[in-house]
Amino acid sequence: MSFSAAQAQDLAMNAFLHVIRQPELIAGFMAATGLKADDLRQLAARPEAGLQALDFLLEDDARVLEAARAIGCRPQDLLAARVALAGPGSYGWEAG
């Protein structure tokens, strides 16, 4: 599926909300990004919050599958949204 920028941003923000609602995910996200609680609050107001959440989720197949189930999308939609936001090859992968 191809995403418009607006659709990709919506899915990315849903991914961000999914991450911050899961204690085990938010702890891993903060550790991976080096963010502190105050940084997280500031990040939430910026569009790149969703992109960073997608990057974090896409690092682990289990995270992708759980997030897709929770958000109500196909697992491959998470990568497609990431590509739509940052451009093809920006993460070293291509959406199929």
PDB file of N, CA and C in Angstrom:
ATOM      1  N   MET A   1       0.841  -1.168   0.000  1.00  0.00           N
ATOM      2  CA  MET A   1       0.000   0.000   0.000  1.00  0.00           C
ATOM      3  C   MET A   1       0.889   1.235   0.000  1.00  0.00           C
ATOM      4  N   SER A   2       0.526   2.186  -0.779  1.00  0.00           N
ATOM      5  CA  SER A   2       1.230   3.458  -0.828  1.00  0.00           C
ATOM      6  C   SER A   2       0.504   4.441   0.081  1.00  0.00           C
ATOM      7  N   PHE A   3       1.257   5.210   0.825  1.00  0.00           N
ATOM      8  CA  PHE A   3       0.688   6.151   1.770  1.00  0.00           C
ATOM      9  C   PHE A   3       0.950   7.574   1.327  1.00  0.00           C
ATOM     10  N   SER A   4      -0.035   8.438   1.498  1.00  0.00           N
ATOM     11  CA  SER A   4       0.205   9.866   1.347  1.00  0.00           C
ATOM     12  C   SER A   4       0.976  10.309   2.590  1.00  0.00           C
ATOM     13  N   ALA A   5       1.544  11.491   2.535  1.00  0.00           N
ATOM     14  CA  ALA A   5       2.271  12.006   3.698  1.00  0.00           C
ATOM     15  C   ALA A   5       1.349  12.098   4.914  1.00  0.00           C
ATOM     16  N   ALA A   6       0.118  12.545   4.707  1.00  0.00           N
ATOM     17  CA  ALA A   6      -0.828  12.678   5.820  1.00  0.00           C
ATOM     18  C   ALA A   6      -1.196  11.312   6.399  1.00  0.00           C
ATOM     19  N   GLN A   7      -1.435  10.334   5.544  1.00  0.00           N
ATOM     20  CA  GLN A   7      -1.766   8.983   6.023  1.00  0.00           C
ATOM     21  C   GLN A   7      -0.583   8.382   6.771  1.00  0.00           C
ATOM     22  N   ALA A   8       0.609   8.574   6.230  1.00  0.00           N
ATOM     23  CA  ALA A   8       1.811   8.046   6.873  1.00  0.00           C
ATOM     24  C   ALA A   8       2.016   8.697   8.235  1.00  0.00           C
ATOM     25  N   GLN A   9       1.801   9.995   8.316  1.00  0.00           N
ATOM     26  CA  GLN A   9       1.964  10.701   9.588  1.00  0.00           C
ATOM     27  C   GLN A   9       0.930  10.230  10.604  1.00  0.00           C
ATOM     28  N   ASP A  10      -0.289  10.001  10.167  1.00  0.00           N
ATOM     29  CA  ASP A  10      -1.322   9.481  11.072  1.00  0.00           C
ATOM     30  C   ASP A  10      -0.934   8.116  11.625  1.00  0.00           C
ATOM     31  N   LEU A  11      -0.469   7.227  10.745  1.00  0.00           N
ATOM     32  CA  LEU A  11      -0.064   5.898  11.195  1.00  0.00           C
ATOM     33  C   LEU A  11       1.148   5.997  12.118  1.00  0.00           C
ATOM     34  N   ALA A  12       2.082   6.872  11.782  1.00  0.00           N
ATOM     35  CA  ALA A  12       3.269   7.053  12.625  1.00  0.00           C
ATOM     36  C   ALA A  12       2.896   7.557  14.017  1.00  0.00           C
ATOM     37  N   MET A  13       1.961   8.478  14.088  1.00  0.00           N
ATOM     38  CA  MET A  13       1.545   8.983  15.402  1.00  0.00           C
ATOM     39  C   MET A  13       0.786   7.909  16.181  1.00  0.00           C
ATOM     40  N   ASN A  14       0.034   7.064  15.484  1.00  0.00           N
ATOM     41  CA  ASN A  14      -0.599   5.927  16.159  1.00  0.00           C
ATOM     42  C   ASN A  14       0.464   4.976  16.696  1.00  0.00           C
ATOM     43  N   ALA A  15       1.544   4.804  15.949  1.00  0.00           N
ATOM     44  CA  ALA A  15       2.658   3.966  16.410  1.00  0.00           C
ATOM     45  C   ALA A  15       3.294   4.589  17.653  1.00  0.00           C
ATOM     46  N   PHE A  16       3.482   5.896  17.629  1.00  0.00           N
ATOM     47  CA  PHE A  16       4.051   6.588  18.794  1.00  0.00           C
ATOM     48  C   PHE A  16       3.152   6.397  20.015  1.00  0.00           C
ATOM     49  N   LEU A  17       1.853   6.582  19.831  1.00  0.00           N
ATOM     50  CA  LEU A  17       0.915   6.394  20.945  1.00  0.00           C
ATOM     51  C   LEU A  17       0.954   4.962  21.455  1.00  0.00           C
ATOM     52  N   HIS A  18       1.073   4.008  20.550  1.00  0.00           N
ATOM     53  CA  HIS A  18       1.180   2.605  20.958  1.00  0.00           C
ATOM     54  C   HIS A  18       2.418   2.410  21.828  1.00  0.00           C
ATOM     55  N   VAL A  19       3.531   2.958  21.400  1.00  0.00           N
ATOM     56  CA  VAL A  19       4.783   2.799  22.156  1.00  0.00           C
ATOM     57  C   VAL A  19       4.661   3.416  23.543  1.00  0.00           C
ATOM     58  N   ILE A  20       4.133   4.630  23.633  1.00  0.00           N
ATOM     59  CA  ILE A  20       4.117   5.284  24.942  1.00  0.00           C
ATOM     60  C   ILE A  20       3.070   4.704  25.888  1.00  0.00           C
ATOM     61  N   ARG A  21       2.140   3.925  25.369  1.00  0.00           N
ATOM     62  CA  ARG A  21       1.121   3.296  26.224  1.00  0.00           C
ATOM     63  C   ARG A  21       1.572   1.944  26.783  1.00  0.00           C
ATOM     64  N   GLN A  22       2.682   1.436  26.289  1.00  0.00           N
ATOM     65  CA  GLN A  22       3.174   0.131  26.716  1.00  0.00           C
ATOM     66  C   GLN A  22       4.425   0.322  27.581  1.00  0.00           C
ATOM     67  N   PRO A  23       4.347   0.054  28.882  1.00  0.00           N
ATOM     68  CA  PRO A  23       5.504   0.300  29.758  1.00  0.00           C
ATOM     69  C   PRO A  23       6.802  -0.349  29.272  1.00  0.00           C
ATOM     70  N   GLU A  24       6.731  -1.585  28.783  1.00  0.00           N
ATOM     71  CA  GLU A  24       7.957  -2.251  28.340  1.00  0.00           C
ATOM     72  C   GLU A  24       8.484  -1.627  27.049  1.00  0.00           C
ATOM     73  N   LEU A  25       7.602  -1.119  26.216  1.00  0.00           N
ATOM     74  CA  LEU A  25       8.050  -0.478  24.983  1.00  0.00           C
ATOM     75  C   LEU A  25       8.606   0.914  25.248  1.00  0.00           C
ATOM     76  N   ILE A  26       7.946   1.690  26.084  1.00  0.00           N
ATOM     77  CA  ILE A  26       8.417   3.048  26.325  1.00  0.00           C
ATOM     78  C   ILE A  26       9.782   3.017  27.004  1.00  0.00           C
ATOM     79  N   ALA A  27       9.986   2.064  27.894  1.00  0.00           N
ATOM     80  CA  ALA A  27      11.298   1.950  28.544  1.00  0.00           C
ATOM     81  C   ALA A  27      12.377   1.636  27.506  1.00  0.00           C
ATOM     82  N   GLY A  28      12.093   0.707  26.604  1.00  0.00           N
ATOM     83  CA  GLY A  28      13.049   0.370  25.552  1.00  0.00           C
ATOM     84  C   GLY A  28      13.268   1.515  24.578  1.00  0.00           C
ATOM     85  N   PHE A  29      12.189   2.220  24.243  1.00  0.00           N
ATOM     86  CA  PHE A  29      12.269   3.364  23.342  1.00  0.00           C
ATOM     87  C   PHE A  29      13.143   4.457  23.946  1.00  0.00           C
ATOM     88  N   MET A  30      12.923   4.751  25.218  1.00  0.00           N
ATOM     89  CA  MET A  30      13.710   5.788  25.881  1.00  0.00           C
ATOM     90  C   MET A  30      15.176   5.366  25.996  1.00  0.00           C
ATOM     91  N   ALA A  31      15.415   4.101  26.281  1.00  0.00           N
ATOM     92  CA  ALA A  31      16.794   3.625  26.366  1.00  0.00           C
ATOM     93  C   ALA A  31      17.478   3.679  25.003  1.00  0.00           C
ATOM     94  N   ALA A  32      16.753   3.286  23.954  1.00  0.00           N
ATOM     95  CA  ALA A  32      17.336   3.268  22.609  1.00  0.00           C
ATOM     96  C   ALA A  32      17.616   4.670  22.079  1.00  0.00           C
ATOM     97  N   THR A  33      16.770   5.617  22.436  1.00  0.00           N
ATOM     98  CA  THR A  33      16.914   6.977  21.916  1.00  0.00           C
ATOM     99  C   THR A  33      17.687   7.891  22.852  1.00  0.00           C
ATOM    100  N   GLY A  34      17.853   7.482  24.106  1.00  0.00           N
ATOM    101  CA  GLY A  34      18.518   8.328  25.087  1.00  0.00           C
ATOM    102  C   GLY A  34      17.630   9.430  25.626  1.00  0.00           C
ATOM    103  N   LEU A  35      16.334   9.332  25.358  1.00  0.00           N
ATOM    104  CA  LEU A  35      15.399  10.356  25.815  1.00  0.00           C
ATOM    105  C   LEU A  35      15.111  10.207  27.309  1.00  0.00           C
ATOM    106  N   LYS A  36      14.891  11.327  27.949  1.00  0.00           N
ATOM    107  CA  LYS A  36      14.415  11.376  29.328  1.00  0.00           C
ATOM    108  C   LYS A  36      12.928  11.726  29.280  1.00  0.00           C
ATOM    109  N   ALA A  37      12.249  11.637  30.412  1.00  0.00           N
ATOM    110  CA  ALA A  37      10.807  11.900  30.447  1.00  0.00           C
ATOM    111  C   ALA A  37      10.475  13.290  29.900  1.00  0.00           C
ATOM    112  N   ASP A  38      11.235  14.296  30.277  1.00  0.00           N
ATOM    113  CA  ASP A  38      10.968  15.652  29.770  1.00  0.00           C
ATOM    114  C   ASP A  38      11.185  15.731  28.264  1.00  0.00           C
ATOM    115  N   ASP A  39      12.218  15.028  27.758  1.00  0.00           N
ATOM    116  CA  ASP A  39      12.466  15.002  26.314  1.00  0.00           C
ATOM    117  C   ASP A  39      11.296  14.362  25.585  1.00  0.00           C
ATOM    118  N   LEU A  40      10.745  13.322  26.183  1.00  0.00           N
ATOM    119  CA  LEU A  40       9.635  12.594  25.572  1.00  0.00           C
ATOM    120  C   LEU A  40       8.413  13.504  25.432  1.00  0.00           C
ATOM    121  N   ARG A  41       8.157  14.296  26.441  1.00  0.00           N
ATOM    122  CA  ARG A  41       7.035  15.237  26.377  1.00  0.00           C
ATOM    123  C   ARG A  41       7.227  16.239  25.240  1.00  0.00           C
ATOM    124  N   GLN A  42       8.448  16.730  25.072  1.00  0.00           N
ATOM    125  CA  GLN A  42       8.737  17.675  23.992  1.00  0.00           C
ATOM    126  C   GLN A  42       8.652  16.987  22.632  1.00  0.00           C
ATOM    127  N   LEU A  43       9.162  15.757  22.532  1.00  0.00           N
ATOM    128  CA  LEU A  43       9.126  15.016  21.277  1.00  0.00           C
ATOM    129  C   LEU A  43       7.686  14.770  20.840  1.00  0.00           C
ATOM    130  N   ALA A  44       6.803  14.503  21.783  1.00  0.00           N
ATOM    131  CA  ALA A  44       5.409  14.195  21.457  1.00  0.00           C
ATOM    132  C   ALA A  44       4.744  15.317  20.666  1.00  0.00           C
ATOM    133  N   ALA A  45       5.215  16.526  20.815  1.00  0.00           N
ATOM    134  CA  ALA A  45       4.621  17.665  20.114  1.00  0.00           C
ATOM    135  C   ALA A  45       5.214  17.863  18.715  1.00  0.00           C
ATOM    136  N   ARG A  46       6.216  17.067  18.353  1.00  0.00           N
ATOM    137  CA  ARG A  46       6.876  17.258  17.055  1.00  0.00           C
ATOM    138  C   ARG A  46       6.520  16.116  16.099  1.00  0.00           C
ATOM    139  N   PRO A  47       6.443  16.420  14.801  1.00  0.00           N
ATOM    140  CA  PRO A  47       6.067  15.398  13.813  1.00  0.00           C
ATOM    141  C   PRO A  47       7.026  14.211  13.762  1.00  0.00           C
ATOM    142  N   GLU A  48       8.288  14.408  14.084  1.00  0.00           N
ATOM    143  CA  GLU A  48       9.241  13.299  14.007  1.00  0.00           C
ATOM    144  C   GLU A  48       9.057  12.255  15.105  1.00  0.00           C
ATOM    145  N   ALA A  49       8.173  12.520  16.049  1.00  0.00           N
ATOM    146  CA  ALA A  49       7.901  11.536  17.100  1.00  0.00           C
ATOM    147  C   ALA A  49       7.438  10.221  16.489  1.00  0.00           C
ATOM    148  N   GLY A  50       6.540  10.305  15.544  1.00  0.00           N
ATOM    149  CA  GLY A  50       6.038   9.088  14.900  1.00  0.00           C
ATOM    150  C   GLY A  50       7.112   8.366  14.127  1.00  0.00           C
ATOM    151  N   LEU A  51       7.958   9.099  13.438  1.00  0.00           N
ATOM    152  CA  LEU A  51       9.040   8.489  12.671  1.00  0.00           C
ATOM    153  C   LEU A  51       9.996   7.752  13.606  1.00  0.00           C
ATOM    154  N   GLN A  52      10.330   8.363  14.730  1.00  0.00           N
ATOM    155  CA  GLN A  52      11.209   7.688  15.690  1.00  0.00           C
ATOM    156  C   GLN A  52      10.553   6.445  16.269  1.00  0.00           C
ATOM    157  N   ALA A  53       9.243   6.510  16.506  1.00  0.00           N
ATOM    158  CA  ALA A  53       8.534   5.328  17.005  1.00  0.00           C
ATOM    159  C   ALA A  53       8.545   4.220  15.961  1.00  0.00           C
ATOM    160  N   LEU A  54       8.326   4.573  14.695  1.00  0.00           N
ATOM    161  CA  LEU A  54       8.382   3.560  13.633  1.00  0.00           C
ATOM    162  C   LEU A  54       9.764   2.930  13.561  1.00  0.00           C
ATOM    163  N   ASP A  55      10.809   3.739  13.638  1.00  0.00           N
ATOM    164  CA  ASP A  55      12.170   3.200  13.625  1.00  0.00           C
ATOM    165  C   ASP A  55      12.360   2.186  14.746  1.00  0.00           C
ATOM    166  N   PHE A  56      11.908   2.546  15.930  1.00  0.00           N
ATOM    167  CA  PHE A  56      12.040   1.655  17.088  1.00  0.00           C
ATOM    168  C   PHE A  56      11.264   0.357  16.877  1.00  0.00           C
ATOM    169  N   LEU A  57      10.034   0.459  16.433  1.00  0.00           N
ATOM    170  CA  LEU A  57       9.214  -0.734  16.219  1.00  0.00           C
ATOM    171  C   LEU A  57       9.809  -1.628  15.142  1.00  0.00           C
ATOM    172  N   LEU A  58      10.318  -1.031  14.082  1.00  0.00           N
ATOM    173  CA  LEU A  58      10.814  -1.803  12.941  1.00  0.00           C
ATOM    174  C   LEU A  58      12.118  -2.541  13.227  1.00  0.00           C
ATOM    175  N   GLU A  59      12.734  -2.292  14.366  1.00  0.00           N
ATOM    176  CA  GLU A  59      13.960  -2.997  14.742  1.00  0.00           C
ATOM    177  C   GLU A  59      13.700  -4.430  15.207  1.00  0.00           C
ATOM    178  N   ASP A  60      12.443  -4.771  15.457  1.00  0.00           N
ATOM    179  CA  ASP A  60      12.138  -6.088  16.025  1.00  0.00           C
ATOM    180  C   ASP A  60      10.825  -6.612  15.451  1.00  0.00           C
ATOM    181  N   ASP A  61      10.872  -7.802  14.867  1.00  0.00           N
ATOM    182  CA  ASP A  61       9.675  -8.373  14.239  1.00  0.00           C
ATOM    183  C   ASP A  61       8.510  -8.504  15.214  1.00  0.00           C
ATOM    184  N   ALA A  62       8.793  -8.906  16.446  1.00  0.00           N
ATOM    185  CA  ALA A  62       7.715  -9.071  17.428  1.00  0.00           C
ATOM    186  C   ALA A  62       7.048  -7.726  17.717  1.00  0.00           C
ATOM    187  N   ARG A  63       7.843  -6.668  17.794  1.00  0.00           N
ATOM    188  CA  ARG A  63       7.272  -5.337  18.012  1.00  0.00           C
ATOM    189  C   ARG A  63       6.381  -4.933  16.838  1.00  0.00           C
ATOM    190  N   VAL A  64       6.846  -5.226  15.628  1.00  0.00           N
ATOM    191  CA  VAL A  64       6.076  -4.885  14.429  1.00  0.00           C
ATOM    192  C   VAL A  64       4.733  -5.605  14.451  1.00  0.00           C
ATOM    193  N   LEU A  65       4.768  -6.887  14.708  1.00  0.00           N
ATOM    194  CA  LEU A  65       3.534  -7.667  14.698  1.00  0.00           C
ATOM    195  C   LEU A  65       2.560  -7.203  15.775  1.00  0.00           C
ATOM    196  N   GLU A  66       3.060  -6.948  16.971  1.00  0.00           N
ATOM    197  CA  GLU A  66       2.196  -6.490  18.064  1.00  0.00           C
ATOM    198  C   GLU A  66       1.631  -5.101  17.769  1.00  0.00           C
ATOM    199  N   ALA A  67       2.468  -4.210  17.289  1.00  0.00           N
ATOM    200  CA  ALA A  67       1.993  -2.851  16.986  1.00  0.00           C
ATOM    201  C   ALA A  67       0.944  -2.881  15.879  1.00  0.00           C
ATOM    202  N   ALA A  68       1.184  -3.652  14.843  1.00  0.00           N
ATOM    203  CA  ALA A  68       0.228  -3.735  13.733  1.00  0.00           C
ATOM    204  C   ALA A  68      -1.116  -4.254  14.233  1.00  0.00           C
ATOM    205  N   ARG A  69      -1.075  -5.270  15.084  1.00  0.00           N
ATOM    206  CA  ARG A  69      -2.315  -5.807  15.644  1.00  0.00           C
ATOM    207  C   ARG A  69      -3.025  -4.749  16.479  1.00  0.00           C
ATOM    208  N   ALA A  70      -2.275  -4.057  17.338  1.00  0.00           N
ATOM    209  CA  ALA A  70      -2.862  -3.067  18.235  1.00  0.00           C
ATOM    210  C   ALA A  70      -3.405  -1.851  17.480  1.00  0.00           C
ATOM    211  N   ILE A  71      -2.691  -1.434  16.451  1.00  0.00           N
ATOM    212  CA  ILE A  71      -3.084  -0.249  15.686  1.00  0.00           C
ATOM    213  C   ILE A  71      -4.180  -0.578  14.677  1.00  0.00           C
ATOM    214  N   GLY A  72      -4.203  -1.833  14.227  1.00  0.00           N
ATOM    215  CA  GLY A  72      -5.198  -2.245  13.245  1.00  0.00           C
ATOM    216  C   GLY A  72      -4.740  -2.039  11.815  1.00  0.00           C
ATOM    217  N   CYS A  73      -3.462  -2.331  11.577  1.00  0.00           N
ATOM    218  CA  CYS A  73      -2.929  -2.228  10.223  1.00  0.00           C
ATOM    219  C   CYS A  73      -2.159  -3.502   9.898  1.00  0.00           C
ATOM    220  N   ARG A  74      -1.709  -3.608   8.667  1.00  0.00           N
ATOM    221  CA  ARG A  74      -0.867  -4.738   8.283  1.00  0.00           C
ATOM    222  C   ARG A  74       0.565  -4.443   8.730  1.00  0.00           C
ATOM    223  N   PRO A  75       1.348  -5.458   9.111  1.00  0.00           N
ATOM    224  CA  PRO A  75       2.728  -5.211   9.535  1.00  0.00           C
ATOM    225  C   PRO A  75       3.541  -4.426   8.496  1.00  0.00           C
ATOM    226  N   GLN A  76       3.368  -4.736   7.230  1.00  0.00           N
ATOM    227  CA  GLN A  76       4.130  -4.049   6.185  1.00  0.00           C
ATOM    228  C   GLN A  76       3.737  -2.575   6.049  1.00  0.00           C
ATOM    229  N   ASP A  77       2.572  -2.207   6.567  1.00  0.00           N
ATOM    230  CA  ASP A  77       2.156  -0.808   6.518  1.00  0.00           C
ATOM    231  C   ASP A  77       3.063   0.081   7.367  1.00  0.00           C
ATOM    232  N   LEU A  78       3.627  -0.478   8.430  1.00  0.00           N
ATOM    233  CA  LEU A  78       4.516   0.308   9.279  1.00  0.00           C
ATOM    234  C   LEU A  78       5.763   0.730   8.503  1.00  0.00           C
ATOM    235  N   LEU A  79       6.337  -0.190   7.742  1.00  0.00           N
ATOM    236  CA  LEU A  79       7.496   0.165   6.921  1.00  0.00           C
ATOM    237  C   LEU A  79       7.090   1.094   5.785  1.00  0.00           C
ATOM    238  N   ALA A  80       5.949   0.834   5.170  1.00  0.00           N
ATOM    239  CA  ALA A  80       5.493   1.693   4.073  1.00  0.00           C
ATOM    240  C   ALA A  80       5.279   3.122   4.560  1.00  0.00           C
ATOM    241  N   ALA A  81       4.735   3.288   5.751  1.00  0.00           N
ATOM    242  CA  ALA A  81       4.543   4.627   6.308  1.00  0.00           C
ATOM    243  C   ALA A  81       5.884   5.285   6.594  1.00  0.00           C
ATOM    244  N   ARG A  82       6.826   4.515   7.095  1.00  0.00           N
ATOM    245  CA  ARG A  82       8.155   5.056   7.373  1.00  0.00           C
ATOM    246  C   ARG A  82       8.825   5.533   6.091  1.00  0.00           C
ATOM    247  N   VAL A  83       8.708   4.740   5.037  1.00  0.00           N
ATOM    248  CA  VAL A  83       9.286   5.117   3.735  1.00  0.00           C
ATOM    249  C   VAL A  83       8.599   6.361   3.187  1.00  0.00           C
ATOM    250  N   ALA A  84       7.283   6.439   3.359  1.00  0.00           N
ATOM    251  CA  ALA A  84       6.545   7.602   2.871  1.00  0.00           C
ATOM    252  C   ALA A  84       6.986   8.877   3.590  1.00  0.00           C
ATOM    253  N   LEU A  85       7.346   8.757   4.847  1.00  0.00           N
ATOM    254  CA  LEU A  85       7.755   9.929   5.624  1.00  0.00           C
ATOM    255  C   LEU A  85       9.202  10.336   5.365  1.00  0.00           C
ATOM    256  N   ALA A  86      10.078   9.359   5.219  1.00  0.00           N
ATOM    257  CA  ALA A  86      11.513   9.666   5.147  1.00  0.00           C
ATOM    258  C   ALA A  86      12.133   9.399   3.784  1.00  0.00           C
ATOM    259  N   GLY A  87      11.382   8.775   2.903  1.00  0.00           N
ATOM    260  CA  GLY A  87      11.905   8.499   1.573  1.00  0.00           C
ATOM    261  C   GLY A  87      12.424   7.080   1.420  1.00  0.00           C
ATOM    262  N   PRO A  88      12.381   6.556   0.200  1.00  0.00           N
ATOM    263  CA  PRO A  88      12.877   5.196  -0.065  1.00  0.00           C
ATOM    264  C   PRO A  88      14.357   5.072   0.266  1.00  0.00           C
ATOM    265  N   GLY A  89      14.698   3.947   0.853  1.00  0.00           N
ATOM    266  CA  GLY A  89      16.093   3.661   1.170  1.00  0.00           C
ATOM    267  C   GLY A  89      16.619   4.407   2.363  1.00  0.00           C
ATOM    268  N   SER A  90      15.803   5.216   3.017  1.00  0.00           N
ATOM    269  CA  SER A  90      16.277   6.021   4.137  1.00  0.00           C
ATOM    270  C   SER A  90      16.624   5.174   5.357  1.00  0.00           C
ATOM    271  N   TYR A  91      16.130   3.970   5.408  1.00  0.00           N
ATOM    272  CA  TYR A  91      16.426   3.084   6.527  1.00  0.00           C
ATOM    273  C   TYR A  91      17.211   1.870   6.058  1.00  0.00           C
ATOM    274  N   GLY A  92      17.571   1.873   4.786  1.00  0.00           N
ATOM    275  CA  GLY A  92      18.322   0.753   4.245  1.00  0.00           C
ATOM    276  C   GLY A  92      17.439  -0.361   3.714  1.00  0.00           C
ATOM    277  N   TRP A  93      16.127  -0.157   3.766  1.00  0.00           N
ATOM    278  CA  TRP A  93      15.184  -1.156   3.270  1.00  0.00           C
ATOM    279  C   TRP A  93      14.283  -0.512   2.244  1.00  0.00           C
ATOM    280  N   GLU A  94      13.686  -1.335   1.458  1.00  0.00           N
ATOM    281  CA  GLU A  94      12.652  -0.885   0.524  1.00  0.00           C
ATOM    282  C   GLU A  94      11.356  -1.591   0.893  1.00  0.00           C
ATOM    283  N   ALA A  95      10.257  -0.885   0.849  1.00  0.00           N
ATOM    284  CA  ALA A  95       8.949  -1.501   1.098  1.00  0.00           C
ATOM    285  C   ALA A  95       8.566  -2.321  -0.115  1.00  0.00           C
ATOM    286  N   GLY A  96       8.063  -3.517   0.119  1.00  0.00           N
ATOM    287  CA  GLY A  96       7.686  -4.403  -0.969  1.00  0.00           C
ATOM    288  C   GLY A  96       6.227  -4.348  -1.291  1.00  0.00           C
TER     289      GLY A  96
END
